[in-house]
Amino acid sequence: MWLALMCVGAHAWAGQVAGTVMQLSGPLMVKKADGKVKLLAIKSEVEQGDTLLTEKETYALIKLIDNSEITLKPNTSFVIEQFSYTAEQPDGDHAIFSLLKGGLRSVTGLLGKRNKERFEMKTPAATIGIRGTTFIAEYIGPSTPALSTPVVSAPASSTPRAPGLYVQVLDGLIHVTNPSGTSNFSADQFGYTPNFRQPPVVLPTNPGMKFAPPPVFNSSMPPTASSTTPGKSNNVDCEVR
């Protein structure tokens, strides 16, 4: 009975609109909660339960219904586990995401400003919480060729980095937590943890994190490259089986 109730709850969450694709620089795929894979376009809607997958040249800007923003880097796998926001119902706020691999930039919206404790960004190495924040997170999996220890004293370069979670705070404050400990990071700080068995630590310099979406991603103007796309473009034209 417990398993049946959990399945019903999961399906209840899945399918609710969480946001809209605002900018793209290449292909963006979504794996739905039912296993179907689709190609998204600008103005496509994303839902709870979706796993978003960017290609090697793709940056993707997702604007969520509370006006927060998630910008995905190339080669990223990102899950919208739960996202619920209603202006008149703060008790219903939920924001739970999973960064499985790759990187992103997160800009806090209305949900995070009024219920920051209900925001979670899970990764294989730690969970990120916010305090009204703009931050960048990157997770490098253990199968990625890397050095045995992170490069913390050299400037950003092409030197491979050790597997683990890297964070950079642009504004505000985040806390990074795993079973080994919790660390707070403020604006202009970098952090790192390799896995759940080691606590997050502050890095003295940029360990090699780069985030360079096309300039149009930083503009508040609506996209023009696909401005002729009809308003119903969230009905996806292509489905991959």
Protein backbone atom coordinates (compact mmCIF):
# COMPACT_ATOMS: atom_id res chain seq x y z
CA MET A 1 0.00 0.00 0.00
CA TRP A 2 2.84 2.37 0.86
CA LEU A 3 4.46 1.82 -2.53
CA ALA A 4 1.15 2.42 -4.27
CA LEU A 5 0.66 5.71 -2.43
CA MET A 6 4.20 6.81 -3.30
CA CYS A 7 3.60 6.09 -6.98
CA VAL A 8 0.33 8.01 -6.93
CA GLY A 9 2.09 10.96 -5.29
CA ALA A 10 4.90 10.93 -7.84
CA HIS A 11 2.45 10.94 -10.75
CA ALA A 12 0.50 13.76 -9.09
CA TRP A 13 3.62 15.92 -9.04
CA ALA A 14 4.71 15.01 -12.57
CA GLY A 15 3.16 16.93 -15.44
CA GLN A 16 2.59 20.26 -13.66
CA VAL A 17 4.08 23.17 -15.61
CA ALA A 18 7.21 24.52 -13.93
CA GLY A 19 8.54 26.98 -16.50
CA THR A 20 9.33 27.90 -20.09
CA VAL A 21 12.38 27.68 -22.34
CA MET A 22 13.40 31.29 -23.06
CA GLN A 23 16.74 30.94 -24.89
CA LEU A 24 18.61 28.16 -26.69
CA SER A 25 21.96 27.90 -28.45
CA GLY A 26 21.51 24.31 -29.68
CA PRO A 27 19.45 21.13 -29.17
CA LEU A 28 17.67 20.63 -25.84
CA MET A 29 16.05 17.28 -25.09
CA VAL A 30 13.59 16.38 -22.36
CA LYS A 31 12.91 12.96 -20.92
CA LYS A 32 9.39 12.94 -19.52
CA ALA A 33 8.31 11.12 -16.38
CA ASP A 34 6.73 8.40 -18.57
CA GLY A 35 10.04 7.79 -20.37
CA LYS A 36 9.24 9.59 -23.63
CA VAL A 37 12.02 11.77 -25.06
CA LYS A 38 11.22 14.99 -26.93
CA LEU A 39 13.05 17.88 -28.55
CA LEU A 40 12.27 21.28 -27.02
CA ALA A 41 12.23 24.73 -28.62
CA ILE A 42 12.02 28.32 -27.43
CA LYS A 43 8.63 28.80 -25.71
CA SER A 44 8.35 25.07 -24.91
CA GLU A 45 7.03 24.40 -21.43
CA VAL A 46 8.90 22.23 -18.92
CA GLU A 47 7.17 20.25 -16.21
CA GLN A 48 7.76 18.62 -12.86
CA GLY A 49 9.33 15.23 -13.42
CA ASP A 50 11.22 16.36 -16.54
CA THR A 51 14.89 15.53 -17.09
CA LEU A 52 16.50 18.16 -19.30
CA LEU A 53 19.52 17.18 -21.43
CA THR A 54 21.73 19.67 -23.27
CA GLU A 55 24.03 18.78 -26.17
CA LYS A 56 27.76 19.61 -26.30
CA GLU A 57 27.21 23.12 -27.73
CA THR A 58 23.89 23.91 -26.02
CA TYR A 59 23.19 26.53 -23.41
CA ALA A 60 19.52 26.65 -22.36
CA LEU A 61 17.77 29.32 -20.29
CA ILE A 62 14.67 28.16 -18.40
CA LYS A 63 12.44 30.73 -16.72
CA LEU A 64 10.35 29.20 -13.95
CA ILE A 65 6.88 30.32 -12.95
CA ASP A 66 8.17 32.31 -9.95
CA ASN A 67 10.51 34.33 -12.26
CA SER A 68 13.60 32.40 -11.14
CA GLU A 69 16.01 31.31 -13.86
CA ILE A 70 18.08 28.21 -14.50
CA THR A 71 20.67 28.39 -17.29
CA LEU A 72 22.06 24.99 -18.25
CA LYS A 73 25.58 24.53 -19.61
CA PRO A 74 26.46 22.15 -22.46
CA ASN A 75 26.54 18.41 -21.64
CA THR A 76 24.25 18.81 -18.63
CA SER A 77 21.62 16.50 -17.18
CA PHE A 78 19.16 18.29 -14.88
CA VAL A 79 15.96 17.05 -13.22
CA ILE A 80 13.00 19.16 -12.09
CA GLU A 81 11.89 16.87 -9.28
CA GLN A 82 9.32 19.24 -7.77
CA PHE A 83 8.42 22.82 -8.52
CA SER A 84 5.24 24.40 -7.23
CA TYR A 85 4.55 28.12 -6.81
CA THR A 86 1.31 30.07 -6.37
CA ALA A 87 1.52 33.75 -5.43
CA GLU A 88 -1.38 33.50 -2.97
CA GLN A 89 -0.32 30.18 -1.40
CA PRO A 90 3.20 30.36 0.07
CA ASP A 91 2.61 27.18 2.10
CA GLY A 92 2.55 25.23 -1.17
CA ASP A 93 6.03 26.30 -2.29
CA HIS A 94 8.36 23.48 -3.37
CA ALA A 95 11.59 23.64 -5.39
CA ILE A 96 13.62 20.45 -5.59
CA PHE A 97 16.08 19.93 -8.42
CA SER A 98 18.85 17.44 -9.21
CA LEU A 99 22.02 18.24 -11.12
CA LEU A 100 23.18 14.81 -12.31
CA LYS A 101 26.09 16.04 -14.41
CA GLY A 102 27.32 19.23 -16.07
CA GLY A 103 26.68 22.73 -14.82
CA LEU A 104 24.18 25.54 -14.41
CA ARG A 105 23.58 29.06 -13.17
CA SER A 106 20.66 29.60 -10.79
CA VAL A 107 19.03 32.98 -10.14
CA THR A 108 16.63 33.05 -7.19
CA GLY A 109 13.01 34.00 -7.87
CA LEU A 110 10.00 34.78 -5.72
CA LEU A 111 9.78 31.30 -4.18
CA GLY A 112 13.36 31.40 -2.98
CA LYS A 113 12.95 34.88 -1.54
CA ARG A 114 9.92 34.06 0.59
CA ASN A 115 10.59 30.36 1.34
CA LYS A 116 14.33 29.86 0.85
CA GLU A 117 14.33 26.79 3.08
CA ARG A 118 12.14 24.99 0.51
CA PHE A 119 14.74 25.20 -2.25
CA GLU A 120 17.07 22.23 -2.77
CA MET A 121 19.59 21.63 -5.54
CA LYS A 122 20.72 18.02 -5.15
CA THR A 123 23.91 16.65 -6.70
CA PRO A 124 25.77 13.33 -6.33
CA ALA A 125 28.21 14.99 -3.90
CA ALA A 126 26.10 17.41 -1.81
CA THR A 127 22.87 19.43 -1.63
CA ILE A 128 22.83 23.19 -2.21
CA GLY A 129 20.52 25.51 -0.31
CA ILE A 130 20.08 29.24 -0.90
CA ARG A 131 19.77 32.53 0.94
CA GLY A 132 18.57 34.77 -1.92
CA THR A 133 21.24 33.97 -4.38
CA THR A 134 22.81 33.80 -7.82
CA PHE A 135 25.24 30.91 -8.04
CA ILE A 136 26.94 28.55 -10.48
CA ALA A 137 27.26 24.83 -9.82
CA GLU A 138 29.19 22.22 -11.77
CA TYR A 139 29.35 18.49 -11.14
CA ILE A 140 32.09 16.38 -12.70
CA GLY A 141 31.39 12.65 -12.51
CA PRO A 142 34.01 10.09 -11.47
CA SER A 143 34.20 8.65 -15.00
CA THR A 144 35.49 11.96 -16.34
CA PRO A 145 39.30 11.95 -16.77
CA ALA A 146 40.70 14.20 -14.08
CA LEU A 147 43.54 14.79 -11.66
CA SER A 148 43.53 12.99 -8.33
CA THR A 149 43.24 16.32 -6.50
CA PRO A 150 41.59 19.60 -7.52
CA VAL A 151 43.63 22.45 -8.92
CA VAL A 152 43.05 25.26 -6.41
CA SER A 153 46.04 27.57 -6.78
CA ALA A 154 46.25 27.97 -10.55
CA PRO A 155 44.03 30.24 -12.63
CA ALA A 156 41.27 28.78 -14.79
CA SER A 157 42.81 26.69 -17.55
CA SER A 158 42.27 23.61 -19.64
CA THR A 159 43.80 21.39 -16.93
CA PRO A 160 41.33 18.61 -16.08
CA ARG A 161 39.68 18.96 -12.71
CA ALA A 162 39.08 16.30 -10.10
CA PRO A 163 35.58 14.77 -9.95
CA GLY A 164 33.13 16.37 -7.55
CA LEU A 165 30.89 19.38 -7.01
CA TYR A 166 32.22 22.90 -7.64
CA VAL A 167 30.27 26.04 -6.72
CA GLN A 168 30.73 29.76 -7.32
CA VAL A 169 28.56 32.41 -5.65
CA LEU A 170 27.90 35.54 -7.69
CA ASP A 171 25.46 37.16 -5.26
CA GLY A 172 24.02 36.32 -1.85
CA LEU A 173 24.81 33.18 0.12
CA ILE A 174 24.51 29.42 -0.34
CA HIS A 175 25.06 26.51 1.98
CA VAL A 176 26.40 23.19 0.72
CA THR A 177 25.59 20.14 2.81
CA ASN A 178 26.43 16.44 2.78
CA PRO A 179 26.69 13.79 5.52
CA SER A 180 30.25 14.92 6.30
CA GLY A 181 29.44 18.56 6.97
CA THR A 182 28.00 21.91 5.89
CA SER A 183 29.79 25.01 4.60
CA ASN A 184 28.47 28.46 3.73
CA PHE A 185 29.73 30.34 0.69
CA SER A 186 29.20 34.04 0.04
CA ALA A 187 29.61 36.31 -2.98
CA ASP A 188 32.87 35.87 -4.92
CA GLN A 189 33.72 32.60 -3.16
CA PHE A 190 34.37 29.19 -4.72
CA GLY A 191 33.73 25.84 -3.09
CA TYR A 192 34.38 22.15 -3.67
CA THR A 193 33.53 18.70 -2.36
CA PRO A 194 34.49 15.45 -4.11
CA ASN A 195 31.75 13.26 -2.65
CA PHE A 196 29.46 12.61 0.32
CA ARG A 197 32.41 11.34 2.39
CA GLN A 198 34.22 14.69 2.50
CA PRO A 199 32.85 18.04 3.70
CA PRO A 200 32.61 21.04 1.36
CA VAL A 201 35.57 23.44 1.55
CA VAL A 202 36.33 26.96 0.35
CA LEU A 203 38.79 27.20 -2.55
CA PRO A 204 41.21 30.17 -2.56
CA THR A 205 40.90 30.78 -6.33
CA ASN A 206 38.75 29.84 -9.30
CA PRO A 207 39.50 26.12 -9.88
CA GLY A 208 38.71 26.39 -13.58
CA MET A 209 34.99 27.07 -13.65
CA LYS A 210 33.74 28.70 -16.85
CA PHE A 211 30.25 29.90 -17.69
CA ALA A 212 29.93 31.68 -21.03
CA PRO A 213 26.45 31.55 -22.59
CA PRO A 214 25.79 33.66 -25.70
CA PRO A 215 25.38 37.38 -24.90
CA VAL A 216 21.67 37.26 -25.71
CA PHE A 217 21.17 35.05 -22.64
CA ASN A 218 22.05 38.01 -20.44
CA SER A 219 19.50 40.28 -22.10
CA SER A 220 16.03 40.87 -20.68
CA MET A 221 14.67 41.33 -24.18
CA PRO A 222 12.56 38.49 -25.59
CA PRO A 223 14.34 36.15 -28.05
CA THR A 224 14.32 37.26 -31.67
CA ALA A 225 15.89 34.32 -33.49
CA SER A 226 12.68 32.35 -33.19
CA SER A 227 10.23 35.21 -32.65
CA THR A 228 8.13 34.02 -35.55
CA THR A 229 7.40 30.77 -33.75
CA PRO A 230 3.65 30.60 -33.00
CA GLY A 231 2.52 30.93 -29.41
CA LYS A 232 1.54 27.26 -29.33
CA SER A 233 5.09 26.09 -29.94
CA ASN A 234 5.09 24.35 -26.58
CA ASN A 235 3.37 21.55 -28.48
CA VAL A 236 6.57 19.83 -29.51
CA ASP A 237 7.07 19.20 -33.23
CA CYS A 238 9.47 16.26 -32.82
CA GLU A 239 9.39 13.20 -30.63
CA VAL A 240 12.33 10.82 -30.33
CA ARG A 241 11.49 7.19 -29.65
